[in-house]
Amino acid sequence: MMRLFLFLLTLLFSLSDPAMEKYSDFSDSPLAVKSGGALTYGELRQAGVNLTDRMSGNQFKKLVESIKQNGLQDKVINYVKLDGEIYVVLGNNRVQAGRQLGITDQLIFKEVQLPFRGFKTENDVINAAAEVIGGH
């Protein structure tokens, strides 16, 4: 039921808000496995990646510029897997910046378990993803 709800929210907002395209299109990375069991962006994209946070447009532009000038300072992106879906819980904006800059191959995705940072329950993660989709 929750997956259907998230799907419908994604569809609704992606149709009505062209700015959301950058948060829903994960189609630009080849598949490969990194050493140590970490996964690549392409592998997680195939499973369906959900973001749980996003910066304002101005903050995001500054992040992209910083990465252009200094490279990625932290390449590890943490995610949880809930009912077969992937939710990024730390590094959401680096994922988007990496996608925009064409450097997603530099990101290393590592699965973590709840509780993790501000996420205590599965509902915390799902609600955060719904807020990103809803633009809140």
C-alpha atoms as a PDB file:
ATOM      1  CA  MET A   1       0.000   0.000   0.000  1.00  0.00           C
ATOM      2  CA  MET A   2       2.791   2.428   0.940  1.00  0.00           C
ATOM      3  CA  ARG A   3       4.677   1.620  -2.275  1.00  0.00           C
ATOM      4  CA  LEU A   4       1.564   2.443  -4.302  1.00  0.00           C
ATOM      5  CA  PHE A   5       1.163   5.707  -2.382  1.00  0.00           C
ATOM      6  CA  LEU A   6       4.793   6.718  -3.042  1.00  0.00           C
ATOM      7  CA  PHE A   7       4.488   5.738  -6.702  1.00  0.00           C
ATOM      8  CA  LEU A   8       1.350   7.846  -7.131  1.00  0.00           C
ATOM      9  CA  LEU A   9       2.957  10.807  -5.355  1.00  0.00           C
ATOM     10  CA  THR A  10       6.015  10.520  -7.580  1.00  0.00           C
ATOM     11  CA  LEU A  11       3.889  10.361 -10.700  1.00  0.00           C
ATOM     12  CA  LEU A  12       1.692  13.250  -9.641  1.00  0.00           C
ATOM     13  CA  PHE A  13       4.521  15.607  -8.758  1.00  0.00           C
ATOM     14  CA  SER A  14       6.803  14.661 -11.632  1.00  0.00           C
ATOM     15  CA  LEU A  15       3.984  15.468 -14.063  1.00  0.00           C
ATOM     16  CA  SER A  16       3.152  18.770 -12.421  1.00  0.00           C
ATOM     17  CA  ASP A  17       6.616  20.056 -11.490  1.00  0.00           C
ATOM     18  CA  PRO A  18       9.402  20.005 -14.116  1.00  0.00           C
ATOM     19  CA  ALA A  19      11.959  20.867 -11.402  1.00  0.00           C
ATOM     20  CA  MET A  20      11.319  17.447  -9.839  1.00  0.00           C
ATOM     21  CA  GLU A  21      12.787  15.688 -12.884  1.00  0.00           C
ATOM     22  CA  LYS A  22      16.286  15.968 -11.428  1.00  0.00           C
ATOM     23  CA  TYR A  23      15.086  14.030  -8.374  1.00  0.00           C
ATOM     24  CA  SER A  24      13.414  11.191 -10.248  1.00  0.00           C
ATOM     25  CA  ASP A  25      15.612  10.372 -13.252  1.00  0.00           C
ATOM     26  CA  PHE A  26      18.266   7.807 -12.404  1.00  0.00           C
ATOM     27  CA  SER A  27      19.230   6.684 -15.889  1.00  0.00           C
ATOM     28  CA  ASP A  28      22.821   7.710 -16.481  1.00  0.00           C
ATOM     29  CA  SER A  29      25.227   5.197 -14.971  1.00  0.00           C
ATOM     30  CA  PRO A  30      26.776   1.906 -16.072  1.00  0.00           C
ATOM     31  CA  LEU A  31      26.582  -1.150 -13.827  1.00  0.00           C
ATOM     32  CA  ALA A  32      29.624  -2.306 -11.892  1.00  0.00           C
ATOM     33  CA  VAL A  33      30.434  -3.693  -8.456  1.00  0.00           C
ATOM     34  CA  LYS A  34      32.975  -1.942  -6.281  1.00  0.00           C
ATOM     35  CA  SER A  35      35.277  -3.872  -4.000  1.00  0.00           C
ATOM     36  CA  GLY A  36      34.275  -4.554  -0.403  1.00  0.00           C
ATOM     37  CA  GLY A  37      30.641  -5.288  -1.185  1.00  0.00           C
ATOM     38  CA  ALA A  38      29.675  -1.660  -1.828  1.00  0.00           C
ATOM     39  CA  LEU A  39      27.295  -1.076  -4.707  1.00  0.00           C
ATOM     40  CA  THR A  40      27.300   1.449  -7.517  1.00  0.00           C
ATOM     41  CA  TYR A  41      24.708   4.040  -8.406  1.00  0.00           C
ATOM     42  CA  GLY A  42      23.625   1.971 -11.414  1.00  0.00           C
ATOM     43  CA  GLU A  43      22.880  -1.095  -9.330  1.00  0.00           C
ATOM     44  CA  LEU A  44      20.872   0.864  -6.810  1.00  0.00           C
ATOM     45  CA  ARG A  45      19.092   2.767  -9.587  1.00  0.00           C
ATOM     46  CA  GLN A  46      17.804  -0.531 -10.947  1.00  0.00           C
ATOM     47  CA  ALA A  47      16.291  -1.329  -7.553  1.00  0.00           C
ATOM     48  CA  GLY A  48      14.588   2.068  -7.386  1.00  0.00           C
ATOM     49  CA  VAL A  49      16.306   4.797  -5.390  1.00  0.00           C
ATOM     50  CA  ASN A  50      14.259   7.069  -3.121  1.00  0.00           C
ATOM     51  CA  LEU A  51      15.708  10.270  -1.723  1.00  0.00           C
ATOM     52  CA  THR A  52      14.900  11.404   1.817  1.00  0.00           C
ATOM     53  CA  ASP A  53      16.315  14.943   1.760  1.00  0.00           C
ATOM     54  CA  ARG A  54      17.120  17.795  -0.594  1.00  0.00           C
ATOM     55  CA  MET A  55      18.695  21.232  -0.358  1.00  0.00           C
ATOM     56  CA  SER A  56      17.237  24.495  -1.555  1.00  0.00           C
ATOM     57  CA  GLY A  57      18.178  25.421  -5.106  1.00  0.00           C
ATOM     58  CA  ASN A  58      20.798  27.962  -4.008  1.00  0.00           C
ATOM     59  CA  GLN A  59      22.444  25.597  -1.507  1.00  0.00           C
ATOM     60  CA  PHE A  60      22.483  22.846  -4.124  1.00  0.00           C
ATOM     61  CA  LYS A  61      24.173  25.119  -6.679  1.00  0.00           C
ATOM     62  CA  LYS A  62      26.872  25.903  -4.102  1.00  0.00           C
ATOM     63  CA  LEU A  63      27.380  22.183  -3.442  1.00  0.00           C
ATOM     64  CA  VAL A  64      27.739  21.464  -7.163  1.00  0.00           C
ATOM     65  CA  GLU A  65      30.269  24.298  -7.546  1.00  0.00           C
ATOM     66  CA  SER A  66      32.228  23.065  -4.532  1.00  0.00           C
ATOM     67  CA  ILE A  67      32.391  19.544  -5.944  1.00  0.00           C
ATOM     68  CA  LYS A  68      33.489  20.926  -9.328  1.00  0.00           C
ATOM     69  CA  GLN A  69      36.329  22.845  -7.692  1.00  0.00           C
ATOM     70  CA  ASN A  70      37.369  20.457  -4.907  1.00  0.00           C
ATOM     71  CA  GLY A  71      36.026  17.054  -5.900  1.00  0.00           C
ATOM     72  CA  LEU A  72      33.868  14.865  -3.686  1.00  0.00           C
ATOM     73  CA  GLN A  73      35.034  15.164  -0.088  1.00  0.00           C
ATOM     74  CA  ASP A  74      32.889  12.205   1.043  1.00  0.00           C
ATOM     75  CA  LYS A  75      32.067   9.546  -1.522  1.00  0.00           C
ATOM     76  CA  VAL A  76      30.117   7.216   0.757  1.00  0.00           C
ATOM     77  CA  ILE A  77      26.335   7.331   0.418  1.00  0.00           C
ATOM     78  CA  ASN A  78      24.363   5.491   3.101  1.00  0.00           C
ATOM     79  CA  TYR A  79      21.075   3.787   2.342  1.00  0.00           C
ATOM     80  CA  VAL A  80      18.531   1.469   3.930  1.00  0.00           C
ATOM     81  CA  LYS A  81      16.538  -1.184   2.138  1.00  0.00           C
ATOM     82  CA  LEU A  82      12.828  -1.360   3.015  1.00  0.00           C
ATOM     83  CA  ASP A  83      10.511  -3.854   1.311  1.00  0.00           C
ATOM     84  CA  GLY A  84      12.989  -4.224  -1.544  1.00  0.00           C
ATOM     85  CA  GLU A  85      13.294  -0.479  -2.160  1.00  0.00           C
ATOM     86  CA  ILE A  86      16.358   1.656  -1.548  1.00  0.00           C
ATOM     87  CA  TYR A  87      16.159   4.866   0.507  1.00  0.00           C
ATOM     88  CA  VAL A  88      19.205   7.140   0.704  1.00  0.00           C
ATOM     89  CA  VAL A  89      19.502   8.278   4.329  1.00  0.00           C
ATOM     90  CA  LEU A  90      22.792  10.173   4.093  1.00  0.00           C
ATOM     91  CA  GLY A  91      24.225  11.757   0.940  1.00  0.00           C
ATOM     92  CA  ASN A  92      21.040  12.588  -0.981  1.00  0.00           C
ATOM     93  CA  ASN A  93      22.418  15.850  -2.341  1.00  0.00           C
ATOM     94  CA  ARG A  94      25.763  14.317  -3.259  1.00  0.00           C
ATOM     95  CA  VAL A  95      23.847  11.726  -5.302  1.00  0.00           C
ATOM     96  CA  GLN A  96      22.053  14.487  -7.191  1.00  0.00           C
ATOM     97  CA  ALA A  97      25.230  16.557  -7.615  1.00  0.00           C
ATOM     98  CA  GLY A  98      27.110  13.485  -8.831  1.00  0.00           C
ATOM     99  CA  ARG A  99      24.363  12.781 -11.331  1.00  0.00           C
ATOM    100  CA  GLN A 100      24.388  16.377 -12.569  1.00  0.00           C
ATOM    101  CA  LEU A 101      28.188  16.392 -12.897  1.00  0.00           C
ATOM    102  CA  GLY A 102      28.365  12.931 -14.458  1.00  0.00           C
ATOM    103  CA  ILE A 103      30.491  11.483 -11.646  1.00  0.00           C
ATOM    104  CA  THR A 104      28.140   8.933 -10.085  1.00  0.00           C
ATOM    105  CA  ASP A 105      30.817   6.305 -10.737  1.00  0.00           C
ATOM    106  CA  GLN A 106      32.815   7.907  -7.895  1.00  0.00           C
ATOM    107  CA  LEU A 107      30.053   7.339  -5.325  1.00  0.00           C
ATOM    108  CA  ILE A 108      30.173   4.322  -3.032  1.00  0.00           C
ATOM    109  CA  PHE A 109      26.815   3.124  -1.675  1.00  0.00           C
ATOM    110  CA  LYS A 110      26.760   1.309   1.653  1.00  0.00           C
ATOM    111  CA  GLU A 111      23.748  -0.233   3.320  1.00  0.00           C
ATOM    112  CA  VAL A 112      23.094   0.749   6.940  1.00  0.00           C
ATOM    113  CA  GLN A 113      20.514  -0.419   9.459  1.00  0.00           C
ATOM    114  CA  LEU A 114      17.937   1.580  11.371  1.00  0.00           C
ATOM    115  CA  PRO A 115      18.172   3.436  13.601  1.00  0.00           C
ATOM    116  CA  PHE A 116      20.577   5.642  11.663  1.00  0.00           C
ATOM    117  CA  ARG A 117      21.119   9.294  12.497  1.00  0.00           C
ATOM    118  CA  GLY A 118      17.673  10.988  12.559  1.00  0.00           C
ATOM    119  CA  PHE A 119      15.862   7.933  11.196  1.00  0.00           C
ATOM    120  CA  LYS A 120      14.625   5.670  13.962  1.00  0.00           C
ATOM    121  CA  THR A 121      11.861   3.708  12.214  1.00  0.00           C
ATOM    122  CA  GLU A 122      10.860   2.654   8.714  1.00  0.00           C
ATOM    123  CA  ASN A 123       8.035   5.201   8.876  1.00  0.00           C
ATOM    124  CA  ASP A 124      10.573   7.985   9.495  1.00  0.00           C
ATOM    125  CA  VAL A 125      12.330   7.041   6.253  1.00  0.00           C
ATOM    126  CA  ILE A 126       9.148   6.646   4.203  1.00  0.00           C
ATOM    127  CA  ASN A 127       7.719   9.944   5.472  1.00  0.00           C
ATOM    128  CA  ALA A 128      10.964  11.769   4.621  1.00  0.00           C
ATOM    129  CA  ALA A 129      10.872  10.337   1.090  1.00  0.00           C
ATOM    130  CA  ALA A 130       7.233  11.413   0.708  1.00  0.00           C
ATOM    131  CA  GLU A 131       8.182  14.951   1.790  1.00  0.00           C
ATOM    132  CA  VAL A 132      10.900  15.106  -0.891  1.00  0.00           C
ATOM    133  CA  ILE A 133       8.412  13.935  -3.510  1.00  0.00           C
ATOM    134  CA  GLY A 134       5.850  16.420  -2.240  1.00  0.00           C
ATOM    135  CA  GLY A 135       8.337  19.288  -2.261  1.00  0.00           C
ATOM    136  CA  HIS A 136       8.153  20.062   1.470  1.00  0.00           C
END
